[in-house]
Amino acid sequence: MSEIKYYKAKYIIVWDKGCHKTLENGYLGVDGDTVEGFYTQIPQGAPYEDLGNAAITPGFVNLHTHPCEVYSLKSYREDVGNPYFYEGTLYDYALVMSLGERGAFLQAKLNLAEILKSGCTTSLIYGGGYSRTEAELAGEMGMRAYVGAPVRAGDRYEERSIWYSPDGHSAVCDFDEKEGFDRIEEAEQLIRDIDGTYDGRIHGIWAPTQTMYCTPDMLKEVRKRADKMDKRITIHGAESPLEFETSIRMYGKTPVKLMADTGMLGEDVIVPHCLYITGHSSINMAGDSDLKLLGDSKTTVAHCPIAISRSGNTLQSFAKYQKYGVNMTIGTDTFPSDFIQEMRMAAVMGKIVDRTTFAVSAGDIFNAATVNGAKALGRSDLGRLEKGTKADFVVFKLDNIEMSPVRDVVKNIVYSATRHSVNRVYVGGKCVVNDGRIDGVDERELALELQEVSEGSWSRTAQHDRFKRSVDELSPLVSPKYED
C-alpha cells in the first residue's frame, strides 16, 4: 500500500457538491495517481510538503491543439488574408509553408512544452501526418493526450490541398474519395496502435479534418467506426464563411446541418471553432437553427478565441451557446499556446460581443477549462479535485506581479495570470513541470534549430506557391529590410 502524499497550500480549488470551491490553508492528499481527498487537518505527524503562498487547482483540459504545425504559421499568417476569401488564409496561404518531418518534431516538442507549462494536464491533439510523433512526444513528456487519427479526402501529409485557388479569387474542391477511405483505414489502425499507451495516458480519437475536407459518405463511415470502437470524434466545423457558403452551394445545408446529417454531432463529438452558424452577423441566414442542433445533441464546441481574433472574428456569443446547452470548452489552436491567456480572451471577448460584463464570468471560463473539457472526453475523473479523481493538478505561486494580491484565485487566474505564473504541473501524481521547467526539454536548443529549419522553408516559399510569390510578397515585413 502506497503512502499518501500531502500538499499544503494557501488555497486549493476543490470539487464539492457539484461545483468548484476554495479551501483555504488546506491539504491535498494524493495516493499514487489518484486524489485521496482534501482536508483542513491531516493525521498528527503525517509528512507533507508545504507549498507556502501557493494555490493548487485542477489541471486544465485543452481541447484543440496542432503541435506539429503550430509555429510554421508564426511571423507569417498575421495581418494577411485574401479579401476574395473573406480575408481567410486557409485556402491559399496555409500549405505554402511546410517545415518537413524535422520541423514537425521541433514544433511539437516546443508546443507541448508550452501547453504543459500553462497548466494543461490533458490536451486534445488534432493530429495529421505526424500524429504518431505527437502521441510519442506527449507520452514521453508525461502529459495526458487524446491524439487525432486524421481523415481527409486526399494525401496523408496534406501536401496537396483539397481546396485550391487557380486564380486567387475562386476556390475549387478536389475530393479524392478513394484516398479518403484509405485514410479511414489508416486512422483506425493508428487508434488501435496508440490507444492506452504510456500508462494509459494516451488515447486515440477520430479526427476528420473539416466538414468540407471529407465527403458525406466518409463522415458517415467515420461515425460507424467510432461507434463500433467506442471512440470519440473531433472535426473542424463552421470555421470560415467560405466553408459555410460552399456547404450551402454543394449540399444545401449549413456546415452544422451537414454534421448533424452525417453523424458528426453528439455528446461524443468536439467541434473546434464552430462560429459561422445561422444568426452570425457575417452570415445572411437568420435564426438559431444551428445552435438548436448543437445544443439538442449536447455537442461540445472548443472555443479558440486568440487564433480567430487575429482575423477579426469571434464567437457570437459564448453566453448564447451555453444557453442553448452547448458544452463550451477552450482550446489554444495555434500560437501563443498559453492556455491561461486563451481563457482570458474567451472571457473578455464574450463580454464585448454581448456588451455586458455579466455575459461571461470567470466561473464560466474556469468550468470550460476544467470540468466541461473533461465531460467532452467522457472523463469524470479529470478537471476536478475530489476523492477518486486523477491527481492532475497545477501549482500557482502567488508572490508575483500577476497573482498578487489574491482574494479570488479563479478571477486572478482568468483575468491576470499567464503561464509564467505556473510553478508546477502534476499528471497522475507525477511532477512533470517543476519551477517552470520540463526534464528533457532544452527550449533554447529546440528554438535555435526551429529557427534554422524555418529560414530554409521561407527561402523555398515561391516553389510551393501557385503564383511563385516569395514569403515577403505573401506576408510583407512590418519593418522592411534595411539595404545599405
Protein backbone atom coordinates (compact mmCIF):
# COMPACT_ATOMS: atom_id res chain seq x y z
CA MET A 1 0.00 0.00 0.00
CA SER A 2 1.46 3.36 -1.08
CA GLU A 3 1.97 6.19 1.35
CA ILE A 4 -0.34 9.15 0.94
CA LYS A 5 1.43 12.36 -0.07
CA TYR A 6 0.00 15.57 1.31
CA TYR A 7 0.45 19.00 -0.25
CA LYS A 8 -0.38 22.08 1.80
CA ALA A 9 -1.26 25.37 0.11
CA LYS A 10 -2.85 28.69 0.98
CA TYR A 11 -5.68 27.92 -1.47
CA ILE A 12 -6.90 24.68 -3.06
CA ILE A 13 -9.71 24.66 -5.63
CA VAL A 14 -11.65 21.51 -4.73
CA TRP A 15 -14.82 19.91 -6.11
CA ASP A 16 -17.67 19.70 -3.65
CA LYS A 17 -21.41 19.19 -4.20
CA GLY A 18 -21.26 19.78 -7.93
CA CYS A 19 -19.04 22.86 -8.10
CA HIS A 20 -15.54 24.19 -7.55
CA LYS A 21 -14.94 25.61 -4.07
CA THR A 22 -11.97 27.31 -2.42
CA LEU A 23 -10.35 25.52 0.52
CA GLU A 24 -8.09 27.91 2.46
CA ASN A 25 -4.94 26.68 4.25
CA GLY A 26 -5.77 23.09 3.42
CA TYR A 27 -4.14 19.84 2.32
CA LEU A 28 -4.48 17.80 -0.85
CA GLY A 29 -3.93 14.08 -0.34
CA VAL A 30 -2.53 12.04 -3.24
CA ASP A 31 -2.32 8.24 -3.31
CA GLY A 32 -0.32 7.10 -6.32
CA ASP A 33 -2.00 8.61 -9.37
CA THR A 34 -5.26 9.41 -7.57
CA VAL A 35 -6.60 12.15 -5.33
CA GLU A 36 -7.14 10.57 -1.91
CA GLY A 37 -9.02 13.58 -0.52
CA PHE A 38 -8.71 17.16 0.71
CA TYR A 39 -8.55 18.30 4.31
CA THR A 40 -8.30 21.16 6.73
CA GLN A 41 -6.22 18.88 9.01
CA ILE A 42 -4.20 15.70 8.49
CA PRO A 43 -3.16 12.97 10.97
CA GLN A 44 -0.67 14.22 13.51
CA GLY A 45 2.88 13.51 12.40
CA ALA A 46 1.90 12.73 8.80
CA PRO A 47 4.58 14.06 6.42
CA TYR A 48 3.55 16.78 3.98
CA GLU A 49 5.04 19.28 1.59
CA ASP A 50 4.24 22.86 2.43
CA LEU A 51 3.95 24.78 -0.84
CA GLY A 52 3.58 28.01 1.10
CA ASN A 53 1.97 31.00 -0.57
CA ALA A 54 0.55 28.99 -3.45
CA ALA A 55 -2.71 27.85 -5.00
CA ILE A 56 -3.49 24.32 -6.20
CA THR A 57 -6.04 24.00 -8.99
CA PRO A 58 -7.27 21.13 -11.18
CA GLY A 59 -5.25 20.58 -14.32
CA PHE A 60 -6.69 22.29 -17.38
CA VAL A 61 -8.17 20.35 -20.31
CA ASN A 62 -7.12 21.88 -23.64
CA LEU A 63 -9.49 20.65 -26.34
CA HIS A 64 -7.85 21.88 -29.53
CA THR A 65 -4.14 21.89 -30.40
CA HIS A 66 -1.95 21.41 -33.51
CA PRO A 67 1.55 20.78 -32.11
CA CYS A 68 3.28 19.61 -35.30
CA GLU A 69 2.32 22.65 -37.39
CA VAL A 70 1.58 25.46 -34.97
CA TYR A 71 4.73 27.55 -35.26
CA SER A 72 5.05 27.34 -39.06
CA LEU A 73 2.28 29.96 -39.09
CA LYS A 74 4.09 32.35 -36.72
CA SER A 75 5.57 35.51 -38.23
CA TYR A 76 3.78 34.67 -41.49
CA ARG A 77 -0.01 34.50 -41.29
CA GLU A 78 -0.59 37.55 -39.08
CA ASP A 79 -2.04 40.72 -40.69
CA VAL A 80 -2.65 38.96 -44.03
CA GLY A 81 -5.65 37.43 -45.76
CA ASN A 82 -7.27 37.06 -49.15
CA PRO A 83 -10.17 39.53 -49.46
CA TYR A 84 -11.79 37.26 -52.05
CA PHE A 85 -11.98 34.52 -49.41
CA TYR A 86 -13.42 36.74 -46.66
CA GLU A 87 -9.84 37.59 -45.64
CA GLY A 88 -9.17 33.92 -44.88
CA THR A 89 -5.78 32.24 -45.16
CA LEU A 90 -6.77 28.58 -45.20
CA TYR A 91 -7.05 28.23 -48.96
CA ASP A 92 -4.00 29.93 -50.47
CA TYR A 93 -1.61 30.60 -47.57
CA ALA A 94 -1.73 27.55 -45.31
CA LEU A 95 0.02 24.82 -47.29
CA VAL A 96 2.73 27.01 -48.78
CA MET A 97 4.70 26.77 -45.55
CA SER A 98 5.95 23.29 -44.64
CA LEU A 99 8.86 22.59 -42.32
CA GLY A 100 9.11 18.87 -43.07
CA GLU A 101 9.49 15.95 -40.67
CA ARG A 102 12.22 17.53 -38.53
CA GLY A 103 10.29 20.78 -38.35
CA ALA A 104 7.19 18.88 -37.26
CA PHE A 105 9.15 17.24 -34.43
CA LEU A 106 10.68 20.53 -33.24
CA GLN A 107 7.35 22.35 -33.30
CA ALA A 108 5.56 19.53 -31.48
CA LYS A 109 8.09 19.29 -28.67
CA LEU A 110 8.18 23.04 -28.10
CA ASN A 111 4.41 23.42 -28.38
CA LEU A 112 3.63 20.57 -25.99
CA ALA A 113 6.06 22.17 -23.53
CA GLU A 114 4.25 25.50 -23.85
CA ILE A 115 0.89 23.80 -23.34
CA LEU A 116 2.10 21.86 -20.29
CA LYS A 117 3.69 24.94 -18.76
CA SER A 118 0.40 26.80 -18.97
CA GLY A 119 -1.24 24.20 -16.74
CA CYS A 120 -2.77 21.81 -19.28
CA THR A 121 -2.55 18.28 -17.96
CA THR A 122 -4.76 16.91 -20.75
CA SER A 123 -4.76 18.01 -24.38
CA LEU A 124 -6.66 17.01 -27.47
CA ILE A 125 -4.07 16.95 -30.24
CA TYR A 126 -5.83 17.28 -33.58
CA GLY A 127 -3.26 15.24 -35.45
CA GLY A 128 -2.28 14.97 -39.09
CA GLY A 129 0.55 13.39 -40.99
CA TYR A 130 2.68 13.26 -37.83
CA SER A 131 0.12 12.04 -35.28
CA ARG A 132 2.38 9.21 -34.15
CA THR A 133 5.17 11.68 -33.40
CA GLU A 134 2.76 13.82 -31.38
CA ALA A 135 1.49 10.81 -29.44
CA GLU A 136 5.02 9.67 -28.61
CA LEU A 137 6.20 13.11 -27.53
CA ALA A 138 3.13 13.71 -25.36
CA GLY A 139 3.64 10.31 -23.74
CA GLU A 140 7.35 10.88 -23.14
CA MET A 141 6.74 14.34 -21.65
CA GLY A 142 4.28 12.91 -19.13
CA MET A 143 1.06 14.56 -20.28
CA ARG A 144 -2.36 13.05 -20.86
CA ALA A 145 -3.46 13.33 -24.50
CA TYR A 146 -6.18 12.39 -26.93
CA VAL A 147 -4.49 12.21 -30.32
CA GLY A 148 -6.42 12.62 -33.56
CA ALA A 149 -6.40 9.98 -36.26
CA PRO A 150 -6.74 12.21 -39.35
CA VAL A 151 -9.25 11.63 -42.13
CA ARG A 152 -9.37 13.72 -45.31
CA ALA A 153 -10.21 13.09 -48.97
CA GLY A 154 -6.60 13.46 -50.03
CA ASP A 155 -2.98 12.65 -49.25
CA ARG A 156 -1.77 11.73 -45.78
CA TYR A 157 0.63 14.63 -45.24
CA GLU A 158 -1.65 17.36 -46.64
CA GLU A 159 0.96 18.30 -49.23
CA ARG A 160 -1.85 18.67 -51.78
CA SER A 161 -4.72 20.88 -50.72
CA ILE A 162 -8.27 19.61 -51.14
CA TRP A 163 -9.19 23.26 -51.61
CA TYR A 164 -7.19 25.33 -54.04
CA SER A 165 -7.49 28.55 -55.97
CA PRO A 166 -6.46 28.51 -59.63
CA ASP A 167 -6.71 32.28 -59.92
CA GLY A 168 -6.61 33.79 -56.43
CA HIS A 169 -10.30 34.66 -56.36
CA SER A 170 -12.19 31.39 -56.80
CA ALA A 171 -11.97 28.24 -54.68
CA VAL A 172 -12.18 24.71 -56.06
CA CYS A 173 -12.82 21.50 -54.09
CA ASP A 174 -10.87 18.48 -55.29
CA PHE A 175 -12.06 15.45 -53.30
CA ASP A 176 -10.39 12.08 -53.80
CA GLU A 177 -12.84 9.80 -52.00
CA LYS A 178 -10.82 6.67 -52.71
CA GLU A 179 -7.82 8.20 -50.92
CA GLY A 180 -10.24 9.34 -48.23
CA PHE A 181 -11.30 5.78 -47.46
CA ASP A 182 -7.61 4.79 -47.38
CA ARG A 183 -7.17 7.50 -44.71
CA ILE A 184 -10.05 5.96 -42.74
CA GLU A 185 -8.31 2.56 -42.71
CA GLU A 186 -5.06 4.19 -41.59
CA ALA A 187 -6.88 6.17 -38.91
CA GLU A 188 -8.43 3.06 -37.41
CA GLN A 189 -5.04 1.36 -37.28
CA LEU A 190 -3.45 4.42 -35.66
CA ILE A 191 -6.10 4.47 -32.93
CA ARG A 192 -5.53 0.77 -32.23
CA ASP A 193 -1.76 1.30 -32.08
CA ILE A 194 -1.63 4.29 -29.72
CA ASP A 195 -4.72 3.84 -27.56
CA GLY A 196 -3.85 3.10 -23.93
CA THR A 197 -0.09 3.57 -24.36
CA TYR A 198 2.19 5.36 -21.88
CA ASP A 199 0.50 4.01 -18.75
CA GLY A 200 -2.93 4.65 -20.26
CA ARG A 201 -2.34 8.39 -20.67
CA ILE A 202 -2.51 8.41 -24.49
CA HIS A 203 -5.77 7.75 -26.32
CA GLY A 204 -6.89 7.81 -29.94
CA ILE A 205 -9.74 9.91 -31.31
CA TRP A 206 -11.25 10.10 -34.80
CA ALA A 207 -10.36 13.41 -36.46
CA PRO A 208 -11.93 14.21 -39.84
CA THR A 209 -10.04 17.34 -40.93
CA GLN A 210 -13.07 19.52 -41.69
CA THR A 211 -16.65 19.29 -42.93
CA MET A 212 -15.52 20.30 -46.42
CA TYR A 213 -12.38 18.15 -46.47
CA CYS A 214 -14.37 14.91 -46.45
CA THR A 215 -17.30 13.63 -48.49
CA PRO A 216 -20.60 12.91 -46.67
CA ASP A 217 -20.07 9.16 -47.16
CA MET A 218 -16.67 9.42 -45.49
CA LEU A 219 -18.16 11.22 -42.49
CA LYS A 220 -20.88 8.58 -42.17
CA GLU A 221 -18.24 5.86 -42.25
CA VAL A 222 -16.25 7.62 -39.51
CA ARG A 223 -19.39 7.70 -37.34
CA LYS A 224 -19.98 3.99 -37.94
CA ARG A 225 -16.43 3.05 -36.96
CA ALA A 226 -16.31 5.42 -33.99
CA ASP A 227 -19.46 3.79 -32.60
CA LYS A 228 -18.06 0.31 -33.16
CA MET A 229 -14.78 1.19 -31.40
CA ASP A 230 -16.47 3.36 -28.74
CA LYS A 231 -14.19 6.26 -29.63
CA ARG A 232 -14.87 9.97 -29.78
CA ILE A 233 -14.75 12.32 -32.74
CA THR A 234 -13.37 15.79 -33.33
CA ILE A 235 -13.97 17.75 -36.54
CA HIS A 236 -13.29 21.33 -37.61
CA GLY A 237 -16.66 22.82 -38.43
CA ALA A 238 -18.26 26.16 -39.29
CA GLU A 239 -14.76 27.63 -39.18
CA SER A 240 -14.95 30.10 -42.07
CA PRO A 241 -17.53 31.99 -44.15
CA LEU A 242 -16.21 30.27 -47.29
CA GLU A 243 -16.84 26.86 -45.71
CA PHE A 244 -20.39 27.97 -44.85
CA GLU A 245 -21.04 29.29 -48.35
CA THR A 246 -19.59 26.22 -50.07
CA SER A 247 -21.55 23.81 -47.89
CA ILE A 248 -24.76 25.65 -48.81
CA ARG A 249 -23.93 25.55 -52.54
CA MET A 250 -22.82 21.90 -52.61
CA TYR A 251 -25.25 20.29 -50.20
CA GLY A 252 -27.98 22.84 -49.49
CA LYS A 253 -27.01 22.62 -45.82
CA THR A 254 -25.09 24.70 -43.31
CA PRO A 255 -21.91 23.05 -42.01
CA VAL A 256 -23.71 22.32 -38.71
CA LYS A 257 -26.66 20.72 -40.56
CA LEU A 258 -24.22 18.72 -42.69
CA MET A 259 -22.54 17.49 -39.49
CA ALA A 260 -25.91 16.61 -37.98
CA ASP A 261 -26.94 14.60 -41.04
CA THR A 262 -23.66 12.66 -41.23
CA GLY A 263 -23.40 11.76 -37.53
CA MET A 264 -20.85 14.42 -36.65
CA LEU A 265 -22.87 15.89 -33.75
CA GLY A 266 -23.43 14.33 -30.33
CA GLU A 267 -22.13 14.09 -26.77
CA ASP A 268 -19.03 12.31 -28.09
CA VAL A 269 -18.18 14.99 -30.67
CA ILE A 270 -15.92 18.02 -30.21
CA VAL A 271 -16.20 20.76 -32.85
CA PRO A 272 -13.37 23.33 -32.78
CA HIS A 273 -14.37 26.92 -33.63
CA CYS A 274 -17.97 26.49 -34.86
CA LEU A 275 -18.60 30.22 -35.10
CA TYR A 276 -20.09 30.65 -38.58
CA ILE A 277 -23.60 29.44 -37.89
CA THR A 278 -27.07 30.73 -38.65
CA GLY A 279 -27.59 34.04 -36.91
CA HIS A 280 -23.93 35.10 -37.06
CA SER A 281 -23.60 38.74 -38.13
CA SER A 282 -21.42 37.78 -41.12
CA ILE A 283 -23.88 35.14 -42.36
CA ASN A 284 -27.01 36.16 -44.22
CA MET A 285 -29.13 33.40 -42.70
CA ALA A 286 -31.17 34.40 -39.68
CA GLY A 287 -32.37 32.28 -36.78
CA ASP A 288 -30.87 29.88 -34.25
CA SER A 289 -31.46 26.58 -36.05
CA ASP A 290 -27.76 25.64 -35.94
CA LEU A 291 -27.46 26.47 -32.24
CA LYS A 292 -30.52 24.34 -31.54
CA LEU A 293 -28.94 21.40 -33.36
CA LEU A 294 -25.73 21.81 -31.38
CA GLY A 295 -27.50 22.18 -28.04
CA ASP A 296 -30.08 19.43 -28.52
CA SER A 297 -27.33 16.98 -29.48
CA LYS A 298 -25.18 18.09 -26.48
CA THR A 299 -22.23 18.64 -28.79
CA THR A 300 -19.04 20.21 -27.46
CA VAL A 301 -17.58 23.35 -29.03
CA ALA A 302 -13.87 24.05 -28.48
CA HIS A 303 -13.58 27.84 -28.48
CA CYS A 304 -10.15 29.14 -29.57
CA PRO A 305 -10.54 32.93 -29.31
CA ILE A 306 -6.97 34.13 -29.91
CA ALA A 307 -6.49 32.41 -33.29
CA ILE A 308 -9.81 33.62 -34.70
CA SER A 309 -9.48 37.11 -33.24
CA ARG A 310 -6.34 37.69 -35.32
CA SER A 311 -8.53 37.65 -38.43
CA GLY A 312 -11.10 39.98 -36.87
CA ASN A 313 -13.60 37.31 -35.84
CA THR A 314 -15.07 35.90 -32.67
CA LEU A 315 -17.82 33.64 -31.35
CA GLN A 316 -21.28 35.22 -31.21
CA SER A 317 -21.84 34.60 -28.37
CA PHE A 318 -20.32 32.34 -25.67
CA ALA A 319 -23.28 33.05 -23.40
CA LYS A 320 -25.84 32.15 -26.06
CA TYR A 321 -24.12 28.86 -26.89
CA GLN A 322 -24.26 27.97 -23.19
CA LYS A 323 -27.91 28.98 -23.01
CA TYR A 324 -28.75 26.53 -25.80
CA GLY A 325 -27.00 23.69 -23.96
CA VAL A 326 -23.77 23.51 -25.93
CA ASN A 327 -20.87 22.16 -23.85
CA MET A 328 -18.42 25.07 -24.07
CA THR A 329 -14.69 24.37 -23.74
CA ILE A 330 -11.37 26.08 -24.54
CA GLY A 331 -8.55 25.28 -26.98
CA THR A 332 -5.31 27.02 -27.93
CA ASP A 333 -5.28 26.03 -31.63
CA THR A 334 -2.24 27.95 -32.89
CA PHE A 335 0.01 30.39 -31.03
CA PRO A 336 0.68 31.52 -28.43
CA SER A 337 -0.32 28.26 -26.77
CA ASP A 338 -0.65 29.85 -23.36
CA PHE A 339 -3.93 28.33 -22.23
CA ILE A 340 -4.36 30.91 -19.47
CA GLN A 341 -4.22 33.79 -21.94
CA GLU A 342 -6.76 31.89 -24.05
CA MET A 343 -9.09 31.72 -21.05
CA ARG A 344 -8.78 35.47 -20.54
CA MET A 345 -9.52 36.23 -24.20
CA ALA A 346 -12.60 33.99 -24.09
CA ALA A 347 -13.90 35.91 -21.08
CA VAL A 348 -13.14 39.36 -22.48
CA MET A 349 -14.46 38.70 -25.99
CA GLY A 350 -17.55 37.07 -24.52
CA LYS A 351 -18.30 40.29 -22.66
CA ILE A 352 -17.56 42.51 -25.66
CA VAL A 353 -19.87 40.77 -28.14
CA ASP A 354 -22.79 40.86 -25.70
CA ARG A 355 -21.85 44.34 -24.45
CA THR A 356 -22.23 43.40 -20.80
CA THR A 357 -19.84 42.25 -18.09
CA PHE A 358 -22.45 39.71 -16.97
CA ALA A 359 -22.44 37.72 -20.24
CA VAL A 360 -19.47 35.55 -19.27
CA SER A 361 -17.94 35.10 -15.83
CA ALA A 362 -14.58 33.82 -14.62
CA GLY A 363 -16.52 30.83 -13.27
CA ASP A 364 -17.93 30.04 -16.73
CA ILE A 365 -14.46 30.13 -18.24
CA PHE A 366 -12.84 28.12 -15.42
CA ASN A 367 -15.51 25.43 -15.83
CA ALA A 368 -14.95 25.44 -19.60
CA ALA A 369 -11.23 24.87 -18.94
CA THR A 370 -11.76 22.05 -16.44
CA VAL A 371 -14.98 20.07 -15.92
CA ASN A 372 -16.51 20.89 -19.31
CA GLY A 373 -13.36 19.74 -21.08
CA ALA A 374 -13.35 16.53 -19.06
CA LYS A 375 -17.03 15.96 -19.85
CA ALA A 376 -16.30 16.27 -23.57
CA LEU A 377 -13.84 13.38 -23.24
CA GLY A 378 -16.23 11.31 -21.14
CA ARG A 379 -13.98 11.66 -18.09
CA SER A 380 -15.46 12.40 -14.68
CA ASP A 381 -12.01 11.75 -13.16
CA LEU A 382 -10.39 14.81 -14.78
CA GLY A 383 -10.87 18.55 -14.45
CA ARG A 384 -11.70 18.46 -10.74
CA LEU A 385 -10.05 17.63 -7.42
CA GLU A 386 -12.11 15.25 -5.31
CA LYS A 387 -11.62 11.80 -3.86
CA GLY A 388 -11.06 9.24 -6.60
CA THR A 389 -10.16 11.59 -9.45
CA LYS A 390 -6.81 11.56 -11.21
CA ALA A 391 -4.14 13.56 -9.40
CA ASP A 392 -3.76 16.06 -12.25
CA PHE A 393 -3.17 19.46 -10.71
CA VAL A 394 -1.39 22.78 -11.09
CA VAL A 395 0.53 24.84 -8.53
CA PHE A 396 0.40 28.62 -8.93
CA LYS A 397 2.84 30.72 -6.95
CA LEU A 398 1.08 33.79 -5.58
CA ASP A 399 4.03 36.01 -4.70
CA ASN A 400 4.41 37.57 -8.14
CA ILE A 401 3.12 40.59 -10.03
CA GLU A 402 0.47 38.66 -11.96
CA MET A 403 -1.16 36.96 -8.98
CA SER A 404 -0.74 39.40 -6.06
CA PRO A 405 -2.87 40.40 -4.26
CA VAL A 406 -5.20 37.39 -4.12
CA ARG A 407 -8.74 37.38 -2.82
CA ASP A 408 -10.35 35.23 -5.52
CA VAL A 409 -7.95 32.68 -7.04
CA VAL A 410 -10.13 31.88 -10.05
CA LYS A 411 -10.59 35.53 -11.00
CA ASN A 412 -6.84 36.14 -10.73
CA ILE A 413 -6.08 33.18 -12.99
CA VAL A 414 -8.62 34.17 -15.65
CA TYR A 415 -8.03 37.92 -15.67
CA SER A 416 -4.40 38.37 -14.67
CA ALA A 417 -2.19 35.26 -14.79
CA THR A 418 -0.01 33.88 -17.60
CA ARG A 419 1.82 30.58 -17.98
CA HIS A 420 4.71 32.20 -16.12
CA SER A 421 2.51 32.18 -13.01
CA VAL A 422 2.57 28.35 -13.07
CA ASN A 423 5.22 26.83 -10.83
CA ARG A 424 4.48 23.10 -11.04
CA VAL A 425 2.24 20.72 -13.01
CA TYR A 426 1.36 17.20 -11.87
CA VAL A 427 -0.11 14.45 -14.06
CA GLY A 428 -1.21 11.28 -12.32
CA GLY A 429 0.61 12.40 -9.18
CA LYS A 430 3.93 12.86 -11.02
CA CYS A 431 5.54 16.29 -11.27
CA VAL A 432 6.10 16.96 -14.99
CA VAL A 433 6.78 20.71 -14.69
CA ASN A 434 8.89 21.92 -11.78
CA ASP A 435 9.81 25.56 -11.28
CA GLY A 436 8.63 26.19 -14.84
CA ARG A 437 10.94 23.55 -16.33
CA ILE A 438 10.38 20.19 -18.01
CA ASP A 439 13.03 17.47 -17.77
CA GLY A 440 14.49 16.59 -21.14
CA VAL A 441 13.28 19.74 -22.88
CA ASP A 442 16.03 22.20 -23.82
CA GLU A 443 13.88 25.04 -25.08
CA ARG A 444 16.80 27.16 -26.27
CA GLU A 445 18.35 24.37 -28.31
CA LEU A 446 15.00 23.43 -29.87
CA ALA A 447 14.17 27.06 -30.66
CA LEU A 448 17.52 27.65 -32.37
CA GLU A 449 17.07 24.61 -34.60
CA LEU A 450 13.47 25.57 -35.37
CA GLN A 451 14.71 28.99 -36.50
CA GLU A 452 17.18 27.35 -38.87
CA VAL A 453 14.56 24.98 -40.32
CA SER A 454 12.05 27.84 -40.69
CA GLU A 455 14.52 30.07 -42.52
CA GLY A 456 15.09 27.25 -45.01
CA SER A 457 11.35 26.90 -45.54
CA TRP A 458 10.87 30.66 -46.01
CA SER A 459 13.56 30.65 -48.71
CA ARG A 460 11.61 27.97 -50.65
CA THR A 461 8.15 29.51 -50.42
CA ALA A 462 7.96 30.50 -54.09
CA GLN A 463 8.49 26.86 -55.10
CA HIS A 464 5.22 25.88 -53.38
CA ASP A 465 3.05 28.89 -54.14
CA ARG A 466 0.80 28.66 -57.23
CA PHE A 467 1.79 32.18 -58.26
CA LYS A 468 5.50 31.81 -57.34
CA ARG A 469 5.35 34.50 -54.67
CA SER A 470 8.16 34.87 -52.14
CA VAL A 471 7.43 34.80 -48.41
CA ASP A 472 7.90 38.59 -48.28
CA GLU A 473 5.34 39.04 -51.07
CA LEU A 474 2.84 36.80 -49.32
CA SER A 475 3.46 38.34 -45.92
CA PRO A 476 5.23 41.73 -46.12
CA LEU A 477 7.55 42.60 -43.26
CA VAL A 478 6.31 45.24 -40.82
CA SER A 479 9.79 46.78 -40.89
CA PRO A 480 11.29 46.23 -44.36
CA LYS A 481 14.87 45.02 -44.53
CA TYR A 482 17.46 47.76 -44.42
CA GLU A 483 19.52 47.92 -47.60
CA ASP A 484 22.89 49.75 -47.43
